[in-house]
Amino acid sequence: MTPIKKLISSPGTPTVAGKITVPSGEEVSIDGQSIPSGPIDTVDLTNGTHTITIKANGRTITKTINVQNALNPIQDFRNEVLAAYHGNKAVAVALLGALAAVVIASIFVLRRLWILRRQKPLK
């Protein structure tokens, strides 16, 4: 876990993987999206640069971070879909569900066509 204060105080654009700890009472947003209190799991972000903003004690600090996680293809695809819909998980889940339904339906159709093709024609 990387403390958020360490990210803010580091020079340049720090590279992050894993979780970022956030002290209670601080408002944090990433790329303009408000983040609930508690640790931030960077696995939920796409790899690449993100802007993190911290508001605490009447001050606002903005820092660019570079997220580099070793994601499997499913996590990477999920993050890309979430990013496309600005973090709206309901829309992303609905889209992924619809995509899964299309893939499953296609498998059944292809299987049926394969079965029909293998049957002998009636005389």
C-alpha atoms as a PDB file:
ATOM      1  CA  MET A   1       0.000   0.000   0.000  1.00  0.00           C
ATOM      2  CA  THR A   2       1.232   3.428  -0.939  1.00  0.00           C
ATOM      3  CA  PRO A   3       0.259   6.352   1.319  1.00  0.00           C
ATOM      4  CA  ILE A   4      -1.359   9.177  -0.634  1.00  0.00           C
ATOM      5  CA  LYS A   5       0.837  11.755   1.133  1.00  0.00           C
ATOM      6  CA  LYS A   6       3.920  10.003  -0.318  1.00  0.00           C
ATOM      7  CA  LEU A   7       2.455  10.270  -3.842  1.00  0.00           C
ATOM      8  CA  ILE A   8       1.737  13.968  -3.440  1.00  0.00           C
ATOM      9  CA  SER A   9       5.169  14.810  -2.068  1.00  0.00           C
ATOM     10  CA  SER A  10       7.131  12.793  -4.652  1.00  0.00           C
ATOM     11  CA  PRO A  11       8.650  14.734  -7.562  1.00  0.00           C
ATOM     12  CA  GLY A  12       7.480  14.190 -11.121  1.00  0.00           C
ATOM     13  CA  THR A  13       4.853  11.598 -11.989  1.00  0.00           C
ATOM     14  CA  PRO A  14       5.050   8.674  -9.549  1.00  0.00           C
ATOM     15  CA  THR A  15       4.248   5.149 -10.749  1.00  0.00           C
ATOM     16  CA  VAL A  16       1.689   3.294  -8.640  1.00  0.00           C
ATOM     17  CA  ALA A  17       0.439  -0.299  -8.446  1.00  0.00           C
ATOM     18  CA  GLY A  18      -1.844  -1.871  -5.875  1.00  0.00           C
ATOM     19  CA  LYS A  19      -3.637   0.155  -3.214  1.00  0.00           C
ATOM     20  CA  ILE A  20      -3.314   3.786  -2.166  1.00  0.00           C
ATOM     21  CA  THR A  21      -4.142   4.563   1.467  1.00  0.00           C
ATOM     22  CA  VAL A  22      -6.177   7.686   2.171  1.00  0.00           C
ATOM     23  CA  PRO A  23      -6.517   9.149   5.694  1.00  0.00           C
ATOM     24  CA  SER A  24     -10.088   9.728   6.882  1.00  0.00           C
ATOM     25  CA  GLY A  25     -11.463  13.222   6.396  1.00  0.00           C
ATOM     26  CA  GLU A  26      -9.801  13.787   3.037  1.00  0.00           C
ATOM     27  CA  GLU A  27     -11.851  14.096  -0.131  1.00  0.00           C
ATOM     28  CA  VAL A  28     -10.211  12.324  -3.055  1.00  0.00           C
ATOM     29  CA  SER A  29     -11.137  12.278  -6.720  1.00  0.00           C
ATOM     30  CA  ILE A  30      -9.456  10.555  -9.631  1.00  0.00           C
ATOM     31  CA  ASP A  31      -9.981  11.997 -13.102  1.00  0.00           C
ATOM     32  CA  GLY A  32     -12.816  14.110 -11.680  1.00  0.00           C
ATOM     33  CA  GLN A  33     -14.671  11.135 -10.135  1.00  0.00           C
ATOM     34  CA  SER A  34     -15.201  11.298  -6.376  1.00  0.00           C
ATOM     35  CA  ILE A  35     -13.736   8.282  -4.566  1.00  0.00           C
ATOM     36  CA  PRO A  36     -15.280   6.901  -1.351  1.00  0.00           C
ATOM     37  CA  SER A  37     -13.127   7.004   1.774  1.00  0.00           C
ATOM     38  CA  GLY A  38     -10.769   4.144   2.404  1.00  0.00           C
ATOM     39  CA  PRO A  39      -7.981   2.629   0.323  1.00  0.00           C
ATOM     40  CA  ILE A  40      -8.087   3.129  -3.443  1.00  0.00           C
ATOM     41  CA  ASP A  41      -7.447  -0.040  -5.430  1.00  0.00           C
ATOM     42  CA  THR A  42      -5.583   0.983  -8.585  1.00  0.00           C
ATOM     43  CA  VAL A  43      -6.526  -2.361 -10.180  1.00  0.00           C
ATOM     44  CA  ASP A  44      -9.887  -0.668 -10.865  1.00  0.00           C
ATOM     45  CA  LEU A  45      -8.122   1.958 -13.011  1.00  0.00           C
ATOM     46  CA  THR A  46      -6.801   1.638 -16.524  1.00  0.00           C
ATOM     47  CA  ASN A  47      -3.031   1.557 -16.834  1.00  0.00           C
ATOM     48  CA  GLY A  48      -1.636   4.951 -17.750  1.00  0.00           C
ATOM     49  CA  THR A  49      -1.795   8.472 -16.366  1.00  0.00           C
ATOM     50  CA  HIS A  50      -4.541   9.698 -14.055  1.00  0.00           C
ATOM     51  CA  THR A  51      -5.093  12.956 -12.212  1.00  0.00           C
ATOM     52  CA  ILE A  52      -5.657  12.619  -8.481  1.00  0.00           C
ATOM     53  CA  THR A  53      -7.072  15.519  -6.445  1.00  0.00           C
ATOM     54  CA  ILE A  54      -7.047  15.694  -2.645  1.00  0.00           C
ATOM     55  CA  LYS A  55      -9.047  18.223  -0.619  1.00  0.00           C
ATOM     56  CA  ALA A  56      -8.187  18.510   3.079  1.00  0.00           C
ATOM     57  CA  ASN A  57      -7.869  21.289   5.639  1.00  0.00           C
ATOM     58  CA  GLY A  58      -9.086  23.893   3.133  1.00  0.00           C
ATOM     59  CA  ARG A  59      -6.352  23.024   0.611  1.00  0.00           C
ATOM     60  CA  THR A  60      -6.646  21.335  -2.758  1.00  0.00           C
ATOM     61  CA  ILE A  61      -3.699  19.427  -4.198  1.00  0.00           C
ATOM     62  CA  THR A  62      -3.672  17.922  -7.693  1.00  0.00           C
ATOM     63  CA  LYS A  63      -1.093  15.409  -8.870  1.00  0.00           C
ATOM     64  CA  THR A  64      -0.666  13.251 -11.960  1.00  0.00           C
ATOM     65  CA  ILE A  65       0.088   9.594 -11.245  1.00  0.00           C
ATOM     66  CA  ASN A  66       1.066   6.751 -13.549  1.00  0.00           C
ATOM     67  CA  VAL A  67      -0.785   3.486 -12.836  1.00  0.00           C
ATOM     68  CA  GLN A  68       1.006   0.292 -13.908  1.00  0.00           C
ATOM     69  CA  ASN A  69      -0.697  -2.910 -12.770  1.00  0.00           C
ATOM     70  CA  ALA A  70      -0.164  -6.397 -14.158  1.00  0.00           C
ATOM     71  CA  LEU A  71      -3.785  -6.960 -15.228  1.00  0.00           C
ATOM     72  CA  ASN A  72      -5.205 -10.067 -16.793  1.00  0.00           C
ATOM     73  CA  PRO A  73      -7.137  -9.514 -20.058  1.00  0.00           C
ATOM     74  CA  ILE A  74     -10.537  -9.628 -18.316  1.00  0.00           C
ATOM     75  CA  GLN A  75      -9.554  -6.969 -15.762  1.00  0.00           C
ATOM     76  CA  ASP A  76      -8.067  -4.821 -18.508  1.00  0.00           C
ATOM     77  CA  PHE A  77     -11.229  -5.103 -20.652  1.00  0.00           C
ATOM     78  CA  ARG A  78     -13.449  -4.313 -17.635  1.00  0.00           C
ATOM     79  CA  ASN A  79     -11.388  -1.220 -16.851  1.00  0.00           C
ATOM     80  CA  GLU A  80     -11.564  -0.018 -20.459  1.00  0.00           C
ATOM     81  CA  VAL A  81     -15.361  -0.397 -20.460  1.00  0.00           C
ATOM     82  CA  LEU A  82     -15.626   1.408 -17.120  1.00  0.00           C
ATOM     83  CA  ALA A  83     -13.422   4.208 -18.388  1.00  0.00           C
ATOM     84  CA  ALA A  84     -15.542   4.556 -21.527  1.00  0.00           C
ATOM     85  CA  TYR A  85     -18.635   5.072 -19.364  1.00  0.00           C
ATOM     86  CA  HIS A  86     -16.869   7.393 -16.885  1.00  0.00           C
ATOM     87  CA  GLY A  87     -16.900   4.869 -14.045  1.00  0.00           C
ATOM     88  CA  ASN A  88     -20.647   4.170 -14.278  1.00  0.00           C
ATOM     89  CA  LYS A  89     -20.598   0.536 -13.161  1.00  0.00           C
ATOM     90  CA  ALA A  90     -24.318  -0.033 -13.825  1.00  0.00           C
ATOM     91  CA  VAL A  91     -23.925   0.832 -17.508  1.00  0.00           C
ATOM     92  CA  ALA A  92     -20.690  -1.136 -17.802  1.00  0.00           C
ATOM     93  CA  VAL A  93     -22.216  -4.237 -16.186  1.00  0.00           C
ATOM     94  CA  ALA A  94     -25.288  -3.996 -18.435  1.00  0.00           C
ATOM     95  CA  LEU A  95     -23.058  -3.701 -21.507  1.00  0.00           C
ATOM     96  CA  LEU A  96     -20.908  -6.656 -20.484  1.00  0.00           C
ATOM     97  CA  GLY A  97     -24.054  -8.712 -19.739  1.00  0.00           C
ATOM     98  CA  ALA A  98     -25.467  -7.913 -23.170  1.00  0.00           C
ATOM     99  CA  LEU A  99     -22.150  -8.804 -24.788  1.00  0.00           C
ATOM    100  CA  ALA A 100     -22.078 -12.145 -22.941  1.00  0.00           C
ATOM    101  CA  ALA A 101     -25.663 -12.861 -24.065  1.00  0.00           C
ATOM    102  CA  VAL A 102     -24.726 -12.187 -27.710  1.00  0.00           C
ATOM    103  CA  VAL A 103     -21.691 -14.485 -27.464  1.00  0.00           C
ATOM    104  CA  ILE A 104     -23.754 -17.299 -25.895  1.00  0.00           C
ATOM    105  CA  ALA A 105     -26.546 -16.908 -28.472  1.00  0.00           C
ATOM    106  CA  SER A 106     -23.960 -17.008 -31.272  1.00  0.00           C
ATOM    107  CA  ILE A 107     -22.523 -20.247 -29.913  1.00  0.00           C
ATOM    108  CA  PHE A 108     -25.989 -21.868 -29.906  1.00  0.00           C
ATOM    109  CA  VAL A 109     -26.735 -20.685 -33.459  1.00  0.00           C
ATOM    110  CA  LEU A 110     -23.388 -21.926 -34.766  1.00  0.00           C
ATOM    111  CA  ARG A 111     -23.861 -25.255 -33.008  1.00  0.00           C
ATOM    112  CA  ARG A 112     -27.331 -25.646 -34.565  1.00  0.00           C
ATOM    113  CA  LEU A 113     -25.985 -24.811 -38.025  1.00  0.00           C
ATOM    114  CA  TRP A 114     -23.211 -27.355 -37.577  1.00  0.00           C
ATOM    115  CA  ILE A 115     -25.758 -30.025 -36.570  1.00  0.00           C
ATOM    116  CA  LEU A 116     -28.003 -29.227 -39.556  1.00  0.00           C
ATOM    117  CA  ARG A 117     -25.070 -29.378 -41.942  1.00  0.00           C
ATOM    118  CA  ARG A 118     -24.043 -32.826 -40.696  1.00  0.00           C
ATOM    119  CA  GLN A 119     -27.528 -34.318 -41.078  1.00  0.00           C
ATOM    120  CA  LYS A 120     -28.200 -36.327 -44.188  1.00  0.00           C
ATOM    121  CA  PRO A 121     -30.707 -34.793 -46.585  1.00  0.00           C
ATOM    122  CA  LEU A 122     -34.122 -36.464 -46.784  1.00  0.00           C
ATOM    123  CA  LYS A 123     -34.992 -38.300 -50.044  1.00  0.00           C
END
